[in-house]
Amino acid sequence: MNECENLNIIQKFISENKITPKDCIYHTNRPVKNDKGKYTGAIRILVLKKDNIARCEYICPECKFHGYQETSWKRPFSIKCEKCGYLIRVPRMRDEIKRDKYTQ
């Protein structure tokens, strides 16, 4: 099973509050790499226009901890795992695509 499929807290919030794309500043749901460059974790971030708060649900790529945090939104975005302290970075999608293209 894809790790992204295990992120349910934000999905429940979206459903309960009837959130639509026009309500969002930012929304992503994607895999994240560990220190060895392998996709072993996942992160989902939802930022609403009304409050500019990043609702962040993740599975740490290092320790597999499933966490949820709310923090102020800013780019570039990163968050520390509540269990092991691993810094999970969320690069801009185009930067990540470029980097992956040149490392393959």
C-alpha atoms as a PDB file:
ATOM      1  CA  MET A   1       0.000   0.000   0.000  1.00  0.00           C
ATOM      2  CA  ASN A   2       1.192   3.504  -0.857  1.00  0.00           C
ATOM      3  CA  GLU A   3       2.113   5.496   2.288  1.00  0.00           C
ATOM      4  CA  CYS A   4       0.084   8.491   1.014  1.00  0.00           C
ATOM      5  CA  GLU A   5      -3.060   6.376   1.290  1.00  0.00           C
ATOM      6  CA  ASN A   6      -2.519   6.093   5.059  1.00  0.00           C
ATOM      7  CA  LEU A   7      -2.934   9.844   5.642  1.00  0.00           C
ATOM      8  CA  ASN A   8      -6.562  10.126   6.794  1.00  0.00           C
ATOM      9  CA  ILE A   9      -6.722  13.019   9.276  1.00  0.00           C
ATOM     10  CA  ILE A  10      -6.692  15.766   6.649  1.00  0.00           C
ATOM     11  CA  GLN A  11      -9.077  13.831   4.403  1.00  0.00           C
ATOM     12  CA  LYS A  12     -11.537  13.606   7.295  1.00  0.00           C
ATOM     13  CA  PHE A  13     -11.144  17.359   7.955  1.00  0.00           C
ATOM     14  CA  ILE A  14     -11.823  18.127   4.266  1.00  0.00           C
ATOM     15  CA  SER A  15     -14.934  15.956   4.231  1.00  0.00           C
ATOM     16  CA  GLU A  16     -16.360  17.232   7.515  1.00  0.00           C
ATOM     17  CA  ASN A  17     -15.806  20.898   6.617  1.00  0.00           C
ATOM     18  CA  LYS A  18     -16.763  20.550   2.936  1.00  0.00           C
ATOM     19  CA  ILE A  19     -13.453  22.091   1.825  1.00  0.00           C
ATOM     20  CA  THR A  20     -13.166  22.763  -1.917  1.00  0.00           C
ATOM     21  CA  PRO A  21     -10.091  23.670  -3.992  1.00  0.00           C
ATOM     22  CA  LYS A  22     -11.155  27.341  -4.044  1.00  0.00           C
ATOM     23  CA  ASP A  23     -10.867  27.375  -0.225  1.00  0.00           C
ATOM     24  CA  CYS A  24      -7.164  26.437  -0.361  1.00  0.00           C
ATOM     25  CA  ILE A  25      -3.911  28.325  -0.753  1.00  0.00           C
ATOM     26  CA  TYR A  26      -1.953  25.068  -0.937  1.00  0.00           C
ATOM     27  CA  HIS A  27      -2.685  21.351  -0.858  1.00  0.00           C
ATOM     28  CA  THR A  28      -0.301  18.494  -1.536  1.00  0.00           C
ATOM     29  CA  ASN A  29      -0.200  14.770  -0.816  1.00  0.00           C
ATOM     30  CA  ARG A  30       3.031  13.063  -1.794  1.00  0.00           C
ATOM     31  CA  PRO A  31       5.775  10.651  -0.835  1.00  0.00           C
ATOM     32  CA  VAL A  32       8.939  11.916   0.879  1.00  0.00           C
ATOM     33  CA  LYS A  33      12.476  10.581   0.890  1.00  0.00           C
ATOM     34  CA  ASN A  34      14.596   9.399   3.776  1.00  0.00           C
ATOM     35  CA  ASP A  35      18.312  10.214   4.210  1.00  0.00           C
ATOM     36  CA  LYS A  36      19.222   7.432   1.778  1.00  0.00           C
ATOM     37  CA  GLY A  37      17.101   8.972  -0.997  1.00  0.00           C
ATOM     38  CA  LYS A  38      14.366   6.313  -0.873  1.00  0.00           C
ATOM     39  CA  TYR A  39      10.667   7.207  -0.788  1.00  0.00           C
ATOM     40  CA  THR A  40       9.674   5.651   2.539  1.00  0.00           C
ATOM     41  CA  GLY A  41       7.392   8.315   4.043  1.00  0.00           C
ATOM     42  CA  ALA A  42       4.547  10.591   3.054  1.00  0.00           C
ATOM     43  CA  ILE A  43       3.275  14.083   3.753  1.00  0.00           C
ATOM     44  CA  ARG A  44      -0.027  15.838   3.213  1.00  0.00           C
ATOM     45  CA  ILE A  45      -0.380  19.557   3.740  1.00  0.00           C
ATOM     46  CA  LEU A  46      -3.548  21.618   3.582  1.00  0.00           C
ATOM     47  CA  VAL A  47      -3.518  25.420   3.894  1.00  0.00           C
ATOM     48  CA  LEU A  48      -6.801  27.321   3.853  1.00  0.00           C
ATOM     49  CA  LYS A  49      -7.157  30.906   2.642  1.00  0.00           C
ATOM     50  CA  LYS A  50      -9.136  31.886   5.730  1.00  0.00           C
ATOM     51  CA  ASP A  51      -6.386  31.182   8.283  1.00  0.00           C
ATOM     52  CA  ASN A  52      -3.027  30.551   6.534  1.00  0.00           C
ATOM     53  CA  ILE A  53      -2.386  27.582   8.862  1.00  0.00           C
ATOM     54  CA  ALA A  54      -0.555  24.543   7.485  1.00  0.00           C
ATOM     55  CA  ARG A  55      -2.329  21.386   8.594  1.00  0.00           C
ATOM     56  CA  CYS A  56       0.388  18.814   8.148  1.00  0.00           C
ATOM     57  CA  GLU A  57      -0.040  15.059   8.389  1.00  0.00           C
ATOM     58  CA  TYR A  58       2.976  12.850   7.769  1.00  0.00           C
ATOM     59  CA  ILE A  59       4.576   9.463   8.028  1.00  0.00           C
ATOM     60  CA  CYS A  60       8.222  10.042   8.904  1.00  0.00           C
ATOM     61  CA  PRO A  61      10.509   8.502   6.274  1.00  0.00           C
ATOM     62  CA  GLU A  62      13.061   7.651   8.963  1.00  0.00           C
ATOM     63  CA  CYS A  63      11.100   6.235  11.924  1.00  0.00           C
ATOM     64  CA  LYS A  64       7.621   5.630  10.343  1.00  0.00           C
ATOM     65  CA  PHE A  65       5.885   7.739  13.022  1.00  0.00           C
ATOM     66  CA  HIS A  66       2.437   8.953  11.911  1.00  0.00           C
ATOM     67  CA  GLY A  67       2.082  12.546  13.076  1.00  0.00           C
ATOM     68  CA  TYR A  68      -0.091  15.604  12.692  1.00  0.00           C
ATOM     69  CA  GLN A  69       0.869  19.218  13.363  1.00  0.00           C
ATOM     70  CA  GLU A  70      -0.577  22.647  12.681  1.00  0.00           C
ATOM     71  CA  THR A  71       1.812  25.530  12.109  1.00  0.00           C
ATOM     72  CA  SER A  72       2.012  28.805  10.236  1.00  0.00           C
ATOM     73  CA  TRP A  73       2.435  28.466   6.472  1.00  0.00           C
ATOM     74  CA  LYS A  74       5.616  29.607   4.749  1.00  0.00           C
ATOM     75  CA  ARG A  75       7.758  28.462   1.844  1.00  0.00           C
ATOM     76  CA  PRO A  76       9.989  26.561   1.732  1.00  0.00           C
ATOM     77  CA  PHE A  77       8.046  24.329   4.093  1.00  0.00           C
ATOM     78  CA  SER A  78       9.592  21.837   6.490  1.00  0.00           C
ATOM     79  CA  ILE A  79       8.485  20.145   9.665  1.00  0.00           C
ATOM     80  CA  LYS A  80      10.255  18.045  12.302  1.00  0.00           C
ATOM     81  CA  CYS A  81       9.053  14.582  13.189  1.00  0.00           C
ATOM     82  CA  GLU A  82       7.581  14.695  16.684  1.00  0.00           C
ATOM     83  CA  LYS A  83       9.181  11.353  17.556  1.00  0.00           C
ATOM     84  CA  CYS A  84      12.719  11.299  16.097  1.00  0.00           C
ATOM     85  CA  GLY A  85      13.279  14.946  15.128  1.00  0.00           C
ATOM     86  CA  TYR A  86      13.943  14.189  11.445  1.00  0.00           C
ATOM     87  CA  LEU A  87      13.472  17.325   9.342  1.00  0.00           C
ATOM     88  CA  ILE A  88      10.954  16.573   6.602  1.00  0.00           C
ATOM     89  CA  ARG A  89      11.383  19.060   3.773  1.00  0.00           C
ATOM     90  CA  VAL A  90       8.757  19.761   1.140  1.00  0.00           C
ATOM     91  CA  PRO A  91      10.539  21.191  -1.896  1.00  0.00           C
ATOM     92  CA  ARG A  92       8.651  22.924  -4.666  1.00  0.00           C
ATOM     93  CA  MET A  93       7.378  20.295  -7.058  1.00  0.00           C
ATOM     94  CA  ARG A  94       9.275  21.673 -10.065  1.00  0.00           C
ATOM     95  CA  ASP A  95      12.556  21.702  -8.091  1.00  0.00           C
ATOM     96  CA  GLU A  96      11.983  18.099  -7.018  1.00  0.00           C
ATOM     97  CA  ILE A  97      11.237  17.019 -10.598  1.00  0.00           C
ATOM     98  CA  LYS A  98      14.401  18.728 -11.879  1.00  0.00           C
ATOM     99  CA  ARG A  99      16.528  17.129  -9.156  1.00  0.00           C
ATOM    100  CA  ASP A 100      15.084  13.644  -9.830  1.00  0.00           C
ATOM    101  CA  LYS A 101      15.560  14.074 -13.580  1.00  0.00           C
ATOM    102  CA  TYR A 102      19.282  14.762 -13.218  1.00  0.00           C
ATOM    103  CA  THR A 103      19.975  12.086 -10.607  1.00  0.00           C
ATOM    104  CA  GLN A 104      18.527   9.152 -12.541  1.00  0.00           C
END
